[in-house]
Amino acid sequence: MKTENKYQAPALDKGLDILEYLSAQSIPQSQTEIGIGIDRNPNEIYRMLMSLESRGYILRDDVSGKYRLSLKLFYLSHRHSPIDELIKAAKSPLEELANTIRESCHLSILYLNQVMVVVHAKSPEPIALSIEEGNLFPLPLTASGKVLLAYMEEKEQRNSLTANEFYENFTKAEQDHFLESLPQIRKEGAYIRSSDLAEGVVDIAVPVGNVNSGIIACVTVSRLTTININKNIGNEVALSEARKCVKKIEERIGIQTA
């Protein structure tokens, strides 16, 4: 059932219904089949099909008269890098987060079965942790990597860890413990733990995205625990602010939160 809203555009909705329906079909569809598929009278969608065809979004077979998607949507989607859009969306919220909790934070994505830092916001304090943008880190040893792994399907998890030298160096017991910890991370929706890569650092990681959109990135706050600053801001406060930051990023890239 379609969600009603006060800013409806019936013609636009009709066109989007057709495109979404055709994108889910493996073979071309007739006008009648499309009408049935989107719960509309076939005659009602005739003009919309003509418009979409004339604009190059769909193609009609000369023999069967059936419709399929063209590559125009694919072309349009690749004119703008999704990573660039994510970076633009995350930069300001991350800077706000760093200024609010006085700690460094960064946004990471999965890249070639490693974790890549794509945006870093430095703490305004004179002593702060700095992580260079573009750096790659091992998946099993980072808070971001564990969160990204936690939201993968089991098969995808196995593929990501296959031939991973750090994971392979774990003992069998350590590997089992590592895998058993992932469902708990997913259940809690966040991860807080001392860093496996740096002493005196606690990482607080929150996923960006949801079950429907997929988890596309991870916001991580890296708290220095060995210097006497920001002791009034605990892990729970930092986690709460990180979640606010994630919500802002999701809104900027068009992910609807539950």
C-alpha atoms as a PDB file:
ATOM      1  CA  MET A   1       0.000   0.000   0.000  1.00  0.00           C
ATOM      2  CA  LYS A   2       1.375   3.401  -0.970  1.00  0.00           C
ATOM      3  CA  THR A   3       1.984   5.936   1.793  1.00  0.00           C
ATOM      4  CA  GLU A   4      -0.263   8.962   1.417  1.00  0.00           C
ATOM      5  CA  ASN A   5       1.173  12.449   1.820  1.00  0.00           C
ATOM      6  CA  LYS A   6      -0.082  15.968   1.273  1.00  0.00           C
ATOM      7  CA  TYR A   7       2.453  16.749  -1.453  1.00  0.00           C
ATOM      8  CA  GLN A   8       1.402  14.139  -3.975  1.00  0.00           C
ATOM      9  CA  ALA A   9       2.174  14.450  -7.684  1.00  0.00           C
ATOM     10  CA  PRO A  10       0.026  11.742  -9.320  1.00  0.00           C
ATOM     11  CA  ALA A  11       1.696  11.855 -12.736  1.00  0.00           C
ATOM     12  CA  LEU A  12       5.178  11.644 -11.206  1.00  0.00           C
ATOM     13  CA  ASP A  13       4.078   8.801  -8.944  1.00  0.00           C
ATOM     14  CA  LYS A  14       2.729   6.941 -11.955  1.00  0.00           C
ATOM     15  CA  GLY A  15       5.997   7.315 -13.850  1.00  0.00           C
ATOM     16  CA  LEU A  16       8.077   6.218 -10.876  1.00  0.00           C
ATOM     17  CA  ASP A  17       5.790   3.223 -10.320  1.00  0.00           C
ATOM     18  CA  ILE A  18       6.444   2.132 -13.908  1.00  0.00           C
ATOM     19  CA  LEU A  19      10.223   2.542 -13.627  1.00  0.00           C
ATOM     20  CA  GLU A  20      10.378   0.716 -10.291  1.00  0.00           C
ATOM     21  CA  TYR A  21       8.216  -2.108 -11.604  1.00  0.00           C
ATOM     22  CA  LEU A  22      10.283  -2.577 -14.767  1.00  0.00           C
ATOM     23  CA  SER A  23      13.512  -2.524 -12.737  1.00  0.00           C
ATOM     24  CA  ALA A  24      12.264  -5.568 -10.827  1.00  0.00           C
ATOM     25  CA  GLN A  25      11.361  -7.592 -13.938  1.00  0.00           C
ATOM     26  CA  SER A  26      13.791  -9.895 -15.722  1.00  0.00           C
ATOM     27  CA  ILE A  27      11.938  -9.826 -19.058  1.00  0.00           C
ATOM     28  CA  PRO A  28      10.160  -7.065 -21.043  1.00  0.00           C
ATOM     29  CA  GLN A  29       6.560  -6.338 -20.044  1.00  0.00           C
ATOM     30  CA  SER A  30       3.499  -5.401 -22.050  1.00  0.00           C
ATOM     31  CA  GLN A  31       1.332  -2.380 -21.298  1.00  0.00           C
ATOM     32  CA  THR A  32      -1.279  -4.694 -19.777  1.00  0.00           C
ATOM     33  CA  GLU A  33       1.287  -6.509 -17.641  1.00  0.00           C
ATOM     34  CA  ILE A  34       2.704  -3.225 -16.369  1.00  0.00           C
ATOM     35  CA  GLY A  35      -0.767  -1.936 -15.551  1.00  0.00           C
ATOM     36  CA  ILE A  36      -1.575  -5.080 -13.583  1.00  0.00           C
ATOM     37  CA  GLY A  37       1.841  -4.984 -11.898  1.00  0.00           C
ATOM     38  CA  ILE A  38       1.386  -1.448 -10.561  1.00  0.00           C
ATOM     39  CA  ASP A  39      -2.345  -1.872  -9.893  1.00  0.00           C
ATOM     40  CA  ARG A  40      -3.516   0.623 -12.506  1.00  0.00           C
ATOM     41  CA  ASN A  41      -5.764   0.451 -15.557  1.00  0.00           C
ATOM     42  CA  PRO A  42      -3.553  -0.284 -18.616  1.00  0.00           C
ATOM     43  CA  ASN A  43      -5.217   2.561 -20.551  1.00  0.00           C
ATOM     44  CA  GLU A  44      -4.339   4.921 -17.699  1.00  0.00           C
ATOM     45  CA  ILE A  45      -0.590   4.450 -18.182  1.00  0.00           C
ATOM     46  CA  TYR A  46      -0.459   4.748 -22.000  1.00  0.00           C
ATOM     47  CA  ARG A  47       0.581   8.419 -22.130  1.00  0.00           C
ATOM     48  CA  MET A  48       3.114   7.922 -19.349  1.00  0.00           C
ATOM     49  CA  LEU A  49       4.702   5.026 -21.258  1.00  0.00           C
ATOM     50  CA  MET A  50       4.917   7.222 -24.361  1.00  0.00           C
ATOM     51  CA  SER A  51       6.548  10.007 -22.344  1.00  0.00           C
ATOM     52  CA  LEU A  52       9.089   7.705 -20.698  1.00  0.00           C
ATOM     53  CA  GLU A  53       9.913   6.178 -24.077  1.00  0.00           C
ATOM     54  CA  SER A  54      10.378   9.568 -25.745  1.00  0.00           C
ATOM     55  CA  ARG A  55      12.714  10.665 -22.931  1.00  0.00           C
ATOM     56  CA  GLY A  56      14.779   7.503 -23.317  1.00  0.00           C
ATOM     57  CA  TYR A  57      14.042   5.915 -19.938  1.00  0.00           C
ATOM     58  CA  ILE A  58      12.346   2.850 -21.396  1.00  0.00           C
ATOM     59  CA  LEU A  59      12.591   1.007 -24.707  1.00  0.00           C
ATOM     60  CA  ARG A  60       9.777  -0.695 -26.652  1.00  0.00           C
ATOM     61  CA  ASP A  61      10.449  -3.780 -28.731  1.00  0.00           C
ATOM     62  CA  ASP A  62       9.435  -3.276 -32.368  1.00  0.00           C
ATOM     63  CA  VAL A  63       8.066  -6.827 -32.692  1.00  0.00           C
ATOM     64  CA  SER A  64       6.411  -7.613 -29.347  1.00  0.00           C
ATOM     65  CA  GLY A  65       5.648  -4.038 -28.291  1.00  0.00           C
ATOM     66  CA  LYS A  66       6.846  -4.847 -24.779  1.00  0.00           C
ATOM     67  CA  TYR A  67       8.783  -2.435 -22.619  1.00  0.00           C
ATOM     68  CA  ARG A  68      12.073  -2.659 -20.748  1.00  0.00           C
ATOM     69  CA  LEU A  69      14.354  -0.192 -19.009  1.00  0.00           C
ATOM     70  CA  SER A  70      17.057   1.530 -21.027  1.00  0.00           C
ATOM     71  CA  LEU A  71      20.511   2.305 -19.596  1.00  0.00           C
ATOM     72  CA  LYS A  72      19.630   5.963 -19.034  1.00  0.00           C
ATOM     73  CA  LEU A  73      19.059   5.574 -15.285  1.00  0.00           C
ATOM     74  CA  PHE A  74      22.374   3.730 -15.021  1.00  0.00           C
ATOM     75  CA  TYR A  75      24.086   6.550 -16.902  1.00  0.00           C
ATOM     76  CA  LEU A  76      22.529   9.257 -14.733  1.00  0.00           C
ATOM     77  CA  SER A  77      23.440   7.462 -11.519  1.00  0.00           C
ATOM     78  CA  HIS A  78      27.087   7.309 -12.570  1.00  0.00           C
ATOM     79  CA  ARG A  79      27.412  10.979 -13.419  1.00  0.00           C
ATOM     80  CA  HIS A  80      27.831  11.681  -9.713  1.00  0.00           C
ATOM     81  CA  SER A  81      30.079   9.638  -7.443  1.00  0.00           C
ATOM     82  CA  PRO A  82      28.120   8.266  -4.460  1.00  0.00           C
ATOM     83  CA  ILE A  83      31.288   8.554  -2.371  1.00  0.00           C
ATOM     84  CA  ASP A  84      31.569  12.251  -3.218  1.00  0.00           C
ATOM     85  CA  GLU A  85      27.955  12.770  -2.165  1.00  0.00           C
ATOM     86  CA  LEU A  86      28.552  10.873   1.068  1.00  0.00           C
ATOM     87  CA  ILE A  87      31.639  12.963   1.845  1.00  0.00           C
ATOM     88  CA  LYS A  88      29.751  16.203   1.227  1.00  0.00           C
ATOM     89  CA  ALA A  89      26.877  15.037   3.418  1.00  0.00           C
ATOM     90  CA  ALA A  90      29.129  13.910   6.276  1.00  0.00           C
ATOM     91  CA  LYS A  91      31.663  16.736   6.509  1.00  0.00           C
ATOM     92  CA  SER A  92      29.619  19.327   8.389  1.00  0.00           C
ATOM     93  CA  PRO A  93      27.874  16.889  10.813  1.00  0.00           C
ATOM     94  CA  LEU A  94      31.237  15.324  11.680  1.00  0.00           C
ATOM     95  CA  GLU A  95      32.781  18.720  12.374  1.00  0.00           C
ATOM     96  CA  GLU A  96      29.818  19.574  14.612  1.00  0.00           C
ATOM     97  CA  LEU A  97      30.263  16.263  16.432  1.00  0.00           C
ATOM     98  CA  ALA A  98      33.992  16.861  16.983  1.00  0.00           C
ATOM     99  CA  ASN A  99      33.316  20.342  18.368  1.00  0.00           C
ATOM    100  CA  THR A 100      30.519  19.110  20.632  1.00  0.00           C
ATOM    101  CA  ILE A 101      32.348  16.218  22.282  1.00  0.00           C
ATOM    102  CA  ARG A 102      35.873  17.690  21.849  1.00  0.00           C
ATOM    103  CA  GLU A 103      37.115  14.435  20.332  1.00  0.00           C
ATOM    104  CA  SER A 104      38.266  13.445  16.841  1.00  0.00           C
ATOM    105  CA  CYS A 105      35.881  11.423  14.693  1.00  0.00           C
ATOM    106  CA  HIS A 106      35.812   9.985  11.209  1.00  0.00           C
ATOM    107  CA  LEU A 107      33.629   8.325   8.581  1.00  0.00           C
ATOM    108  CA  SER A 108      34.732   5.009   7.077  1.00  0.00           C
ATOM    109  CA  ILE A 109      33.550   2.792   4.241  1.00  0.00           C
ATOM    110  CA  LEU A 110      34.342  -0.725   3.072  1.00  0.00           C
ATOM    111  CA  TYR A 111      36.941  -0.754   0.295  1.00  0.00           C
ATOM    112  CA  LEU A 112      38.574  -3.894  -1.121  1.00  0.00           C
ATOM    113  CA  ASN A 113      37.804  -5.796   2.102  1.00  0.00           C
ATOM    114  CA  GLN A 114      39.504  -3.094   4.127  1.00  0.00           C
ATOM    115  CA  VAL A 115      38.266  -0.025   5.976  1.00  0.00           C
ATOM    116  CA  MET A 116      38.936   3.300   4.282  1.00  0.00           C
ATOM    117  CA  VAL A 117      38.665   6.602   6.149  1.00  0.00           C
ATOM    118  CA  VAL A 118      36.980   9.092   3.792  1.00  0.00           C
ATOM    119  CA  VAL A 119      36.253  12.010   6.139  1.00  0.00           C
ATOM    120  CA  HIS A 120      38.089  13.047   9.297  1.00  0.00           C
ATOM    121  CA  ALA A 121      37.099  15.785  11.750  1.00  0.00           C
ATOM    122  CA  LYS A 122      39.805  16.794  14.231  1.00  0.00           C
ATOM    123  CA  SER A 123      39.111  17.604  17.856  1.00  0.00           C
ATOM    124  CA  PRO A 124      39.474  21.311  18.687  1.00  0.00           C
ATOM    125  CA  GLU A 125      41.634  20.349  21.700  1.00  0.00           C
ATOM    126  CA  PRO A 126      45.411  20.991  21.477  1.00  0.00           C
ATOM    127  CA  ILE A 127      46.086  17.271  21.917  1.00  0.00           C
ATOM    128  CA  ALA A 128      44.027  15.114  19.577  1.00  0.00           C
ATOM    129  CA  LEU A 129      44.096  11.924  17.564  1.00  0.00           C
ATOM    130  CA  SER A 130      44.498  12.439  13.827  1.00  0.00           C
ATOM    131  CA  ILE A 131      43.645   9.853  11.156  1.00  0.00           C
ATOM    132  CA  GLU A 132      44.537  10.669   7.572  1.00  0.00           C
ATOM    133  CA  GLU A 133      41.760  10.515   5.013  1.00  0.00           C
ATOM    134  CA  GLY A 134      42.334   7.799   2.431  1.00  0.00           C
ATOM    135  CA  ASN A 135      44.162   5.503   4.839  1.00  0.00           C
ATOM    136  CA  LEU A 136      43.263   1.809   4.782  1.00  0.00           C
ATOM    137  CA  PHE A 137      42.904  -0.301   7.936  1.00  0.00           C
ATOM    138  CA  PRO A 138      42.378  -4.042   8.499  1.00  0.00           C
ATOM    139  CA  LEU A 139      38.734  -5.040   8.764  1.00  0.00           C
ATOM    140  CA  PRO A 140      38.937  -7.300  11.853  1.00  0.00           C
ATOM    141  CA  LEU A 141      41.017  -4.870  13.931  1.00  0.00           C
ATOM    142  CA  THR A 142      38.931  -1.700  13.702  1.00  0.00           C
ATOM    143  CA  ALA A 143      35.679  -0.697  15.330  1.00  0.00           C
ATOM    144  CA  SER A 144      34.401   0.522  11.951  1.00  0.00           C
ATOM    145  CA  GLY A 145      35.298  -2.777  10.326  1.00  0.00           C
ATOM    146  CA  LYS A 146      33.528  -4.797  12.992  1.00  0.00           C
ATOM    147  CA  VAL A 147      30.372  -2.713  12.639  1.00  0.00           C
ATOM    148  CA  LEU A 148      30.396  -3.020   8.835  1.00  0.00           C
ATOM    149  CA  LEU A 149      30.942  -6.775   9.139  1.00  0.00           C
ATOM    150  CA  ALA A 150      28.160  -7.091  11.713  1.00  0.00           C
ATOM    151  CA  TYR A 151      25.565  -5.863   9.227  1.00  0.00           C
ATOM    152  CA  MET A 152      26.652  -8.154   6.396  1.00  0.00           C
ATOM    153  CA  GLU A 153      24.898 -11.392   5.570  1.00  0.00           C
ATOM    154  CA  GLU A 154      26.773 -14.480   6.766  1.00  0.00           C
ATOM    155  CA  LYS A 155      28.019 -15.384   3.272  1.00  0.00           C
ATOM    156  CA  GLU A 156      29.279 -11.849   2.689  1.00  0.00           C
ATOM    157  CA  GLN A 157      31.040 -11.917   6.060  1.00  0.00           C
ATOM    158  CA  ARG A 158      32.851 -15.109   5.108  1.00  0.00           C
ATOM    159  CA  ASN A 159      33.883 -13.694   1.738  1.00  0.00           C
ATOM    160  CA  SER A 160      35.235 -10.532   3.359  1.00  0.00           C
ATOM    161  CA  LEU A 161      37.282 -12.496   5.893  1.00  0.00           C
ATOM    162  CA  THR A 162      38.552 -15.112   3.454  1.00  0.00           C
ATOM    163  CA  ALA A 163      42.305 -14.753   2.974  1.00  0.00           C
ATOM    164  CA  ASN A 164      42.377 -11.834   5.419  1.00  0.00           C
ATOM    165  CA  GLU A 165      45.825 -12.179   6.954  1.00  0.00           C
ATOM    166  CA  PHE A 166      44.817 -10.670  10.293  1.00  0.00           C
ATOM    167  CA  TYR A 167      41.788 -12.919  10.662  1.00  0.00           C
ATOM    168  CA  GLU A 168      43.801 -15.962   9.566  1.00  0.00           C
ATOM    169  CA  ASN A 169      46.368 -15.203  12.259  1.00  0.00           C
ATOM    170  CA  PHE A 170      43.678 -15.517  14.916  1.00  0.00           C
ATOM    171  CA  THR A 171      43.513 -18.840  16.712  1.00  0.00           C
ATOM    172  CA  LYS A 172      40.411 -20.951  16.054  1.00  0.00           C
ATOM    173  CA  ALA A 173      39.030 -19.852  19.433  1.00  0.00           C
ATOM    174  CA  GLU A 174      39.686 -16.193  18.594  1.00  0.00           C
ATOM    175  CA  GLN A 175      38.000 -16.565  15.215  1.00  0.00           C
ATOM    176  CA  ASP A 176      34.948 -18.166  16.821  1.00  0.00           C
ATOM    177  CA  HIS A 177      34.787 -15.432  19.466  1.00  0.00           C
ATOM    178  CA  PHE A 178      35.128 -12.749  16.789  1.00  0.00           C
ATOM    179  CA  LEU A 179      32.242 -14.149  14.716  1.00  0.00           C
ATOM    180  CA  GLU A 180      30.080 -14.662  17.797  1.00  0.00           C
ATOM    181  CA  SER A 181      30.527 -10.993  18.751  1.00  0.00           C
ATOM    182  CA  LEU A 182      29.101  -9.640  15.486  1.00  0.00           C
ATOM    183  CA  PRO A 183      25.386 -10.402  16.138  1.00  0.00           C
ATOM    184  CA  GLN A 184      25.617  -8.543  19.453  1.00  0.00           C
ATOM    185  CA  ILE A 185      27.052  -5.470  17.719  1.00  0.00           C
ATOM    186  CA  ARG A 186      24.149  -5.564  15.270  1.00  0.00           C
ATOM    187  CA  LYS A 187      21.634  -5.995  18.094  1.00  0.00           C
ATOM    188  CA  GLU A 188      23.009  -3.008  20.021  1.00  0.00           C
ATOM    189  CA  GLY A 189      23.367  -0.859  16.904  1.00  0.00           C
ATOM    190  CA  ALA A 190      26.763   0.427  18.016  1.00  0.00           C
ATOM    191  CA  TYR A 191      30.173  -0.713  19.211  1.00  0.00           C
ATOM    192  CA  ILE A 192      32.212   0.650  22.131  1.00  0.00           C
ATOM    193  CA  ARG A 193      35.576  -0.846  22.978  1.00  0.00           C
ATOM    194  CA  SER A 194      39.263  -0.116  23.468  1.00  0.00           C
ATOM    195  CA  SER A 195      41.068   0.108  20.154  1.00  0.00           C
ATOM    196  CA  ASP A 196      42.937  -2.963  18.917  1.00  0.00           C
ATOM    197  CA  LEU A 197      45.328  -0.716  17.000  1.00  0.00           C
ATOM    198  CA  ALA A 198      46.269   2.005  19.500  1.00  0.00           C
ATOM    199  CA  GLU A 199      46.687   1.981  23.261  1.00  0.00           C
ATOM    200  CA  GLY A 200      44.838   4.596  25.266  1.00  0.00           C
ATOM    201  CA  VAL A 201      42.051   4.948  22.706  1.00  0.00           C
ATOM    202  CA  VAL A 202      38.394   3.947  23.023  1.00  0.00           C
ATOM    203  CA  ASP A 203      36.435   3.689  19.772  1.00  0.00           C
ATOM    204  CA  ILE A 204      32.709   4.371  19.579  1.00  0.00           C
ATOM    205  CA  ALA A 205      31.286   3.270  16.225  1.00  0.00           C
ATOM    206  CA  VAL A 206      27.771   3.748  14.800  1.00  0.00           C
ATOM    207  CA  PRO A 207      26.539   2.467  11.398  1.00  0.00           C
ATOM    208  CA  VAL A 208      25.204   4.808   8.713  1.00  0.00           C
ATOM    209  CA  GLY A 209      22.154   3.396   6.924  1.00  0.00           C
ATOM    210  CA  ASN A 210      19.454   0.890   7.784  1.00  0.00           C
ATOM    211  CA  VAL A 211      18.222  -2.586   6.914  1.00  0.00           C
ATOM    212  CA  ASN A 212      16.330  -1.347   3.842  1.00  0.00           C
ATOM    213  CA  SER A 213      19.036   0.915   2.419  1.00  0.00           C
ATOM    214  CA  GLY A 214      21.957  -1.182   3.566  1.00  0.00           C
ATOM    215  CA  ILE A 215      24.771  -0.061   5.847  1.00  0.00           C
ATOM    216  CA  ILE A 216      26.929   2.166   3.684  1.00  0.00           C
ATOM    217  CA  ALA A 217      29.413   3.623   6.167  1.00  0.00           C
ATOM    218  CA  CYS A 218      30.357   3.972   9.812  1.00  0.00           C
ATOM    219  CA  VAL A 219      30.919   7.004  12.051  1.00  0.00           C
ATOM    220  CA  THR A 220      33.598   6.413  14.672  1.00  0.00           C
ATOM    221  CA  VAL A 221      34.612   8.583  17.602  1.00  0.00           C
ATOM    222  CA  SER A 222      38.163   7.912  18.807  1.00  0.00           C
ATOM    223  CA  ARG A 223      38.490   8.998  22.439  1.00  0.00           C
ATOM    224  CA  LEU A 224      41.867   9.522  24.043  1.00  0.00           C
ATOM    225  CA  THR A 225      41.753   8.061  27.552  1.00  0.00           C
ATOM    226  CA  THR A 226      45.334   8.670  28.648  1.00  0.00           C
ATOM    227  CA  ILE A 227      45.179  12.448  28.916  1.00  0.00           C
ATOM    228  CA  ASN A 228      43.181  14.452  31.401  1.00  0.00           C
ATOM    229  CA  ILE A 229      40.738  16.214  29.079  1.00  0.00           C
ATOM    230  CA  ASN A 230      37.017  15.831  28.478  1.00  0.00           C
ATOM    231  CA  LYS A 231      36.566  13.618  31.514  1.00  0.00           C
ATOM    232  CA  ASN A 232      33.089  15.109  31.926  1.00  0.00           C
ATOM    233  CA  ILE A 233      32.040  13.604  28.577  1.00  0.00           C
ATOM    234  CA  GLY A 234      31.584   9.857  29.003  1.00  0.00           C
ATOM    235  CA  ASN A 235      31.187   7.146  26.426  1.00  0.00           C
ATOM    236  CA  GLU A 236      27.381   7.224  26.595  1.00  0.00           C
ATOM    237  CA  VAL A 237      27.298  10.971  25.906  1.00  0.00           C
ATOM    238  CA  ALA A 238      29.693  10.534  22.992  1.00  0.00           C
ATOM    239  CA  LEU A 239      27.548   7.663  21.669  1.00  0.00           C
ATOM    240  CA  SER A 240      24.383   9.752  21.883  1.00  0.00           C
ATOM    241  CA  GLU A 241      26.007  12.612  19.976  1.00  0.00           C
ATOM    242  CA  ALA A 242      27.436  10.212  17.387  1.00  0.00           C
ATOM    243  CA  ARG A 243      23.938   8.860  16.752  1.00  0.00           C
ATOM    244  CA  LYS A 244      22.663  12.407  16.219  1.00  0.00           C
ATOM    245  CA  CYS A 245      25.487  12.946  13.741  1.00  0.00           C
ATOM    246  CA  VAL A 246      24.577   9.761  11.864  1.00  0.00           C
ATOM    247  CA  LYS A 247      20.939  10.839  11.648  1.00  0.00           C
ATOM    248  CA  LYS A 248      21.985  14.159  10.086  1.00  0.00           C
ATOM    249  CA  ILE A 249      24.148  12.363   7.517  1.00  0.00           C
ATOM    250  CA  GLU A 250      21.332   9.950   6.658  1.00  0.00           C
ATOM    251  CA  GLU A 251      18.885  12.811   6.176  1.00  0.00           C
ATOM    252  CA  ARG A 252      21.363  14.598   3.884  1.00  0.00           C
ATOM    253  CA  ILE A 253      21.754  11.573   1.615  1.00  0.00           C
ATOM    254  CA  GLY A 254      18.054  10.744   1.612  1.00  0.00           C
ATOM    255  CA  ILE A 255      17.956   7.728   3.897  1.00  0.00           C
ATOM    256  CA  GLN A 256      14.720   7.671   5.859  1.00  0.00           C
ATOM    257  CA  THR A 257      15.214   6.742   9.489  1.00  0.00           C
ATOM    258  CA  ALA A 258      12.726   4.503  11.247  1.00  0.00           C
END
